[in-house]
N, C-alpha and C. Protein backbone atom coordinates (compact mmCIF):
# COMPACT_ATOMS: atom_id res chain seq x y z
N MET A 1 0.84 -1.20 0.00
CA MET A 1 0.00 0.00 0.00
C MET A 1 0.87 1.25 0.00
N THR A 2 0.40 2.25 -0.66
CA THR A 2 1.11 3.53 -0.67
C THR A 2 0.81 4.27 0.63
N ASP A 3 1.56 5.32 0.87
CA ASP A 3 1.33 6.13 2.07
C ASP A 3 -0.07 6.74 2.06
N ASP A 4 -0.49 7.24 0.91
CA ASP A 4 -1.83 7.85 0.80
C ASP A 4 -2.93 6.81 1.05
N ALA A 5 -2.72 5.59 0.54
CA ALA A 5 -3.72 4.54 0.74
C ALA A 5 -3.82 4.16 2.22
N ILE A 6 -2.69 4.11 2.89
CA ILE A 6 -2.69 3.80 4.33
C ILE A 6 -3.40 4.92 5.09
N ALA A 7 -3.12 6.17 4.74
CA ALA A 7 -3.76 7.31 5.42
C ALA A 7 -5.28 7.27 5.21
N ARG A 8 -5.72 6.96 3.99
CA ARG A 8 -7.16 6.86 3.73
C ARG A 8 -7.79 5.73 4.54
N GLU A 9 -7.09 4.60 4.62
CA GLU A 9 -7.60 3.46 5.39
C GLU A 9 -7.74 3.80 6.86
N ILE A 10 -6.76 4.50 7.41
CA ILE A 10 -6.84 4.92 8.82
C ILE A 10 -8.04 5.85 9.01
N GLY A 11 -8.20 6.80 8.09
CA GLY A 11 -9.34 7.71 8.16
C GLY A 11 -10.68 6.99 8.10
N GLN A 12 -10.78 5.99 7.22
CA GLN A 12 -12.02 5.22 7.10
C GLN A 12 -12.30 4.42 8.37
N ARG A 13 -11.25 3.90 8.98
CA ARG A 13 -11.45 3.13 10.22
C ARG A 13 -11.88 4.03 11.37
N ILE A 14 -11.34 5.24 11.41
CA ILE A 14 -11.77 6.20 12.44
C ILE A 14 -13.25 6.53 12.24
N GLU A 15 -13.63 6.74 10.99
CA GLU A 15 -15.04 7.06 10.68
C GLU A 15 -15.94 5.88 11.05
N ALA A 16 -15.48 4.66 10.81
CA ALA A 16 -16.28 3.48 11.16
C ALA A 16 -16.46 3.36 12.67
N ILE A 17 -15.43 3.68 13.42
CA ILE A 17 -15.54 3.66 14.89
C ILE A 17 -16.56 4.69 15.34
N ARG A 18 -16.50 5.89 14.75
CA ARG A 18 -17.44 6.95 15.12
C ARG A 18 -18.87 6.53 14.84
N LEU A 19 -19.11 5.94 13.67
CA LEU A 19 -20.46 5.50 13.31
C LEU A 19 -20.94 4.37 14.22
N LYS A 20 -20.05 3.47 14.55
CA LYS A 20 -20.40 2.36 15.44
C LYS A 20 -20.83 2.86 16.81
N ARG A 21 -20.20 3.92 17.26
CA ARG A 21 -20.53 4.49 18.57
C ARG A 21 -21.69 5.49 18.48
N ASN A 22 -22.13 5.75 17.26
CA ASN A 22 -23.27 6.64 17.01
C ASN A 22 -23.03 8.04 17.59
N ILE A 23 -21.88 8.60 17.25
CA ILE A 23 -21.52 9.94 17.69
C ILE A 23 -21.42 10.82 16.44
N GLY A 24 -21.98 12.01 16.50
CA GLY A 24 -21.95 12.91 15.35
C GLY A 24 -20.56 13.49 15.09
N GLN A 25 -20.33 13.84 13.83
CA GLN A 25 -19.04 14.46 13.46
C GLN A 25 -18.79 15.74 14.23
N ASP A 26 -19.86 16.54 14.40
CA ASP A 26 -19.72 17.81 15.13
C ASP A 26 -19.21 17.59 16.55
N ILE A 27 -19.76 16.58 17.20
CA ILE A 27 -19.41 16.31 18.59
C ILE A 27 -17.95 15.85 18.69
N VAL A 28 -17.57 14.91 17.82
CA VAL A 28 -16.19 14.40 17.84
C VAL A 28 -15.21 15.53 17.55
N ALA A 29 -15.51 16.34 16.54
CA ALA A 29 -14.63 17.45 16.17
C ALA A 29 -14.50 18.44 17.32
N HIS A 30 -15.63 18.80 17.93
CA HIS A 30 -15.62 19.76 19.03
C HIS A 30 -14.81 19.23 20.22
N GLU A 31 -15.06 17.97 20.60
CA GLU A 31 -14.34 17.37 21.73
C GLU A 31 -12.84 17.24 21.45
N ALA A 32 -12.48 17.03 20.19
CA ALA A 32 -11.06 16.89 19.82
C ALA A 32 -10.39 18.25 19.65
N GLY A 33 -11.17 19.31 19.64
CA GLY A 33 -10.61 20.65 19.50
C GLY A 33 -10.26 20.99 18.06
N ILE A 34 -10.97 20.40 17.10
CA ILE A 34 -10.74 20.68 15.69
C ILE A 34 -12.07 21.06 15.05
N SER A 35 -12.00 21.60 13.84
CA SER A 35 -13.24 21.95 13.14
C SER A 35 -13.83 20.71 12.48
N ARG A 36 -15.10 20.84 12.08
CA ARG A 36 -15.75 19.72 11.39
C ARG A 36 -15.06 19.45 10.06
N GLU A 37 -14.63 20.51 9.38
CA GLU A 37 -13.93 20.35 8.10
C GLU A 37 -12.59 19.62 8.30
N THR A 38 -11.88 19.93 9.37
CA THR A 38 -10.63 19.24 9.66
C THR A 38 -10.90 17.77 9.93
N TYR A 39 -11.99 17.48 10.62
CA TYR A 39 -12.35 16.08 10.88
C TYR A 39 -12.63 15.37 9.56
N ARG A 40 -13.34 16.00 8.66
CA ARG A 40 -13.64 15.38 7.36
C ARG A 40 -12.35 15.11 6.58
N LYS A 41 -11.41 16.05 6.62
CA LYS A 41 -10.13 15.84 5.93
C LYS A 41 -9.38 14.67 6.56
N LEU A 42 -9.46 14.58 7.88
CA LEU A 42 -8.78 13.50 8.58
C LEU A 42 -9.33 12.14 8.14
N THR A 43 -10.64 12.04 8.03
CA THR A 43 -11.23 10.76 7.63
C THR A 43 -11.00 10.47 6.14
N ALA A 44 -10.58 11.48 5.38
CA ALA A 44 -10.25 11.28 3.98
C ALA A 44 -8.76 10.97 3.81
N GLY A 45 -8.02 10.92 4.93
CA GLY A 45 -6.60 10.58 4.87
C GLY A 45 -5.68 11.78 4.79
N LYS A 46 -6.19 12.96 5.09
CA LYS A 46 -5.38 14.18 5.00
C LYS A 46 -5.13 14.82 6.37
N GLY A 47 -5.26 14.07 7.43
CA GLY A 47 -5.11 14.64 8.76
C GLY A 47 -3.69 14.56 9.28
N THR A 48 -3.44 15.31 10.34
CA THR A 48 -2.13 15.27 11.00
C THR A 48 -2.18 14.26 12.14
N LEU A 49 -1.01 13.81 12.54
CA LEU A 49 -0.94 12.83 13.62
C LEU A 49 -1.53 13.37 14.92
N VAL A 50 -1.31 14.64 15.19
CA VAL A 50 -1.85 15.25 16.41
C VAL A 50 -3.38 15.19 16.40
N ASN A 51 -3.99 15.48 15.25
CA ASN A 51 -5.44 15.43 15.16
C ASN A 51 -5.97 14.00 15.26
N ILE A 52 -5.25 13.06 14.68
CA ILE A 52 -5.65 11.65 14.78
C ILE A 52 -5.63 11.22 16.24
N ILE A 53 -4.58 11.60 16.96
CA ILE A 53 -4.49 11.25 18.38
C ILE A 53 -5.65 11.86 19.16
N ALA A 54 -5.98 13.13 18.88
CA ALA A 54 -7.08 13.80 19.58
C ALA A 54 -8.41 13.11 19.31
N VAL A 55 -8.66 12.74 18.06
CA VAL A 55 -9.91 12.08 17.70
C VAL A 55 -9.98 10.69 18.34
N LEU A 56 -8.89 9.93 18.28
CA LEU A 56 -8.89 8.61 18.90
C LEU A 56 -9.11 8.70 20.41
N ARG A 57 -8.58 9.76 21.02
CA ARG A 57 -8.79 9.96 22.46
C ARG A 57 -10.28 10.20 22.74
N VAL A 58 -10.91 11.03 21.93
CA VAL A 58 -12.34 11.32 22.10
C VAL A 58 -13.17 10.05 21.91
N LEU A 59 -12.79 9.23 20.94
CA LEU A 59 -13.54 8.00 20.66
C LEU A 59 -13.20 6.87 21.64
N GLY A 60 -12.24 7.11 22.53
CA GLY A 60 -11.86 6.09 23.51
C GLY A 60 -11.05 4.97 22.89
N GLU A 61 -10.36 5.25 21.80
CA GLU A 61 -9.60 4.24 21.08
C GLU A 61 -8.10 4.56 21.03
N LEU A 62 -7.62 5.32 21.98
CA LEU A 62 -6.21 5.71 21.99
C LEU A 62 -5.27 4.52 22.12
N GLU A 63 -5.75 3.44 22.74
CA GLU A 63 -4.90 2.26 22.91
C GLU A 63 -4.52 1.62 21.58
N ARG A 64 -5.18 1.99 20.51
CA ARG A 64 -4.81 1.47 19.19
C ARG A 64 -3.41 1.93 18.77
N LEU A 65 -2.92 3.00 19.39
CA LEU A 65 -1.58 3.50 19.10
C LEU A 65 -0.53 2.97 20.08
N ALA A 66 -0.95 2.09 20.98
CA ALA A 66 -0.05 1.60 22.03
C ALA A 66 1.22 0.98 21.47
N SER A 67 1.11 0.25 20.37
CA SER A 67 2.31 -0.40 19.83
C SER A 67 3.32 0.61 19.31
N LEU A 68 2.86 1.81 18.96
CA LEU A 68 3.78 2.85 18.51
C LEU A 68 4.42 3.58 19.69
N ILE A 69 3.76 3.55 20.82
CA ILE A 69 4.25 4.27 22.00
C ILE A 69 5.22 3.43 22.80
N GLU A 70 5.09 2.10 22.74
CA GLU A 70 5.94 1.22 23.52
C GLU A 70 7.39 1.38 23.13
N GLU A 71 8.26 1.16 24.12
CA GLU A 71 9.70 1.24 23.89
C GLU A 71 10.14 0.09 22.99
N VAL A 72 10.96 0.40 22.02
CA VAL A 72 11.46 -0.62 21.12
C VAL A 72 12.58 -1.36 21.82
N ARG A 73 12.44 -2.68 21.91
CA ARG A 73 13.44 -3.49 22.61
C ARG A 73 14.28 -4.23 21.58
N SER A 74 15.54 -4.33 21.84
CA SER A 74 16.44 -5.07 20.98
C SER A 74 16.34 -6.55 21.32
N SER A 75 16.59 -7.37 20.33
CA SER A 75 16.60 -8.82 20.57
C SER A 75 17.84 -9.18 21.37
N PRO A 76 17.83 -10.31 22.07
CA PRO A 76 19.02 -10.72 22.83
C PRO A 76 20.26 -10.85 21.96
N LEU A 77 20.06 -11.29 20.71
CA LEU A 77 21.19 -11.42 19.80
C LEU A 77 21.78 -10.05 19.47
N GLN A 78 20.92 -9.06 19.24
CA GLN A 78 21.41 -7.70 18.97
C GLN A 78 22.12 -7.12 20.19
N LEU A 79 21.58 -7.38 21.37
CA LEU A 79 22.22 -6.87 22.59
C LEU A 79 23.61 -7.46 22.75
N ALA A 80 23.74 -8.75 22.46
CA ALA A 80 25.05 -9.40 22.59
C ALA A 80 26.05 -8.79 21.61
N LYS A 81 25.61 -8.50 20.40
CA LYS A 81 26.51 -7.90 19.41
C LYS A 81 26.91 -6.48 19.81
N MET A 82 25.98 -5.75 20.40
CA MET A 82 26.24 -4.36 20.77
C MET A 82 27.19 -4.28 21.97
N GLN A 83 27.19 -5.27 22.83
CA GLN A 83 28.03 -5.21 24.02
C GLN A 83 29.49 -5.49 23.70
N GLY A 84 29.75 -6.20 22.64
CA GLY A 84 31.14 -6.49 22.29
C GLY A 84 31.75 -7.48 23.27
N LYS A 85 33.06 -7.44 23.37
CA LYS A 85 33.74 -8.37 24.26
C LYS A 85 33.57 -7.92 25.71
N GLN A 86 33.24 -8.88 26.53
CA GLN A 86 33.16 -8.60 27.95
C GLN A 86 34.37 -9.22 28.64
N ARG A 87 34.73 -8.64 29.72
CA ARG A 87 35.87 -9.14 30.46
C ARG A 87 35.57 -10.53 30.98
N GLN A 88 36.54 -11.41 30.87
CA GLN A 88 36.39 -12.77 31.33
C GLN A 88 37.03 -12.98 32.70
N ARG A 89 38.06 -12.18 33.00
CA ARG A 89 38.79 -12.33 34.26
C ARG A 89 39.03 -10.95 34.87
N ALA A 90 39.25 -11.00 36.16
CA ALA A 90 39.66 -9.78 36.84
C ALA A 90 41.17 -9.65 36.71
N THR A 91 41.64 -8.42 36.64
CA THR A 91 43.09 -8.24 36.55
C THR A 91 43.71 -8.38 37.93
N VAL A 92 44.86 -8.95 37.93
CA VAL A 92 45.58 -9.14 39.19
C VAL A 92 46.39 -7.88 39.44
N THR A 93 46.23 -7.31 40.61
CA THR A 93 47.01 -6.12 40.94
C THR A 93 48.31 -6.56 41.57
N ARG A 94 49.34 -6.03 41.09
CA ARG A 94 50.66 -6.34 41.64
C ARG A 94 50.93 -5.40 42.81
N ALA A 95 51.43 -5.98 43.87
CA ALA A 95 51.74 -5.17 45.05
C ALA A 95 52.92 -4.26 44.72
N THR A 96 52.74 -3.00 45.01
CA THR A 96 53.85 -2.07 44.79
C THR A 96 54.76 -2.11 45.98
N GLN A 97 56.03 -2.02 45.75
CA GLN A 97 56.98 -2.04 46.83
C GLN A 97 56.97 -0.68 47.51
N PRO A 98 57.00 -0.69 48.84
CA PRO A 98 56.99 0.59 49.54
C PRO A 98 58.28 1.35 49.26
N ALA A 99 58.16 2.64 49.28
CA ALA A 99 59.35 3.48 49.03
C ALA A 99 60.37 3.21 50.12
N PRO A 100 61.60 2.98 49.74
CA PRO A 100 62.61 2.67 50.77
C PRO A 100 62.85 3.87 51.67
N GLU A 101 63.07 3.56 52.94
CA GLU A 101 63.39 4.63 53.86
C GLU A 101 64.80 5.11 53.55
N HIS A 102 65.06 6.31 53.94
CA HIS A 102 66.37 6.89 53.61
C HIS A 102 67.45 6.14 54.39
N THR A 103 68.32 5.48 53.66
CA THR A 103 69.37 4.67 54.30
C THR A 103 70.74 5.28 54.14
N GLY A 104 70.77 6.44 53.54
CA GLY A 104 72.08 7.06 53.32
C GLY A 104 72.73 6.52 52.06
N ARG A 105 71.98 5.86 51.23
CA ARG A 105 72.52 5.31 49.99
C ARG A 105 71.72 5.86 48.81
N THR A 106 72.33 5.94 47.65
CA THR A 106 71.67 6.38 46.42
C THR A 106 70.83 5.24 45.88
N PRO A 107 69.95 5.51 44.90
CA PRO A 107 69.10 4.45 44.36
C PRO A 107 69.90 3.28 43.79
N ILE A 108 71.14 3.48 43.39
CA ILE A 108 71.90 2.36 42.84
C ILE A 108 72.77 1.68 43.89
N GLY A 109 72.57 2.04 45.14
CA GLY A 109 73.24 1.34 46.21
C GLY A 109 74.55 1.94 46.67
N LYS A 110 74.99 3.04 46.12
CA LYS A 110 76.25 3.66 46.56
C LYS A 110 75.96 4.58 47.73
N PRO A 111 76.93 4.75 48.60
CA PRO A 111 76.72 5.66 49.73
C PRO A 111 76.52 7.08 49.20
N SER A 112 75.58 7.79 49.84
CA SER A 112 75.35 9.17 49.42
C SER A 112 76.40 10.08 50.02
N LEU A 113 76.57 11.19 49.39
CA LEU A 113 77.55 12.17 49.85
C LEU A 113 76.95 13.02 50.96
N ILE A 114 77.77 13.60 51.74
CA ILE A 114 77.42 14.57 52.77
C ILE A 114 76.36 14.03 53.72
N GLY A 115 76.66 13.04 54.40
CA GLY A 115 75.85 12.56 55.50
C GLY A 115 74.50 11.97 55.12
N GLY A 116 74.34 11.47 53.94
CA GLY A 116 73.10 10.79 53.56
C GLY A 116 71.97 11.73 53.19
N GLN A 117 72.23 13.00 53.13
CA GLN A 117 71.19 13.92 52.74
C GLN A 117 71.34 14.26 51.27
N LYS A 118 70.28 14.69 50.69
CA LYS A 118 70.36 15.11 49.30
C LYS A 118 71.21 16.37 49.22
N PRO A 119 72.01 16.47 48.18
CA PRO A 119 72.84 17.67 48.08
C PRO A 119 71.96 18.91 47.88
N HIS A 120 72.33 19.99 48.53
CA HIS A 120 71.59 21.24 48.42
C HIS A 120 72.01 21.98 47.16
N LYS A 121 71.03 22.38 46.39
CA LYS A 121 71.32 23.07 45.14
C LYS A 121 71.60 24.53 45.45
N ASP A 122 72.70 25.02 44.96
CA ASP A 122 73.09 26.41 45.20
C ASP A 122 72.43 27.28 44.14
N GLU A 123 71.46 28.07 44.57
CA GLU A 123 70.73 28.93 43.65
C GLU A 123 71.11 30.41 43.82
N SER A 124 72.18 30.69 44.53
CA SER A 124 72.54 32.07 44.84
C SER A 124 73.13 32.82 43.65
N TRP A 125 73.59 32.16 42.63
CA TRP A 125 74.18 32.91 41.51
C TRP A 125 73.29 32.95 40.40
């Protein structure tokens, strides 16, 4: 079906619901907040989605749009593909060695100069 054919079919079904409930066009249009002419265009397939929603609400048939309102859920297969690789193991943290206390030696094990203290940088010049 073409888009226009689908729109006409929706309009005809709305009109059939109205006739089944024996409600006048004027009443439905007024309750939906649209003009009678707008209602006629809607039933001919030329209505807007907002007006269709308003008319379906007046006719008590809003649940017919429920499948369009529901959240679209992905299949489990799609979810698995979207997640990608998941971690299989926890990483092992290696214990860090504590910083050595000052022993009066340099990092390579040689005795430090001047009493085990770091040399003072002369910034006076």
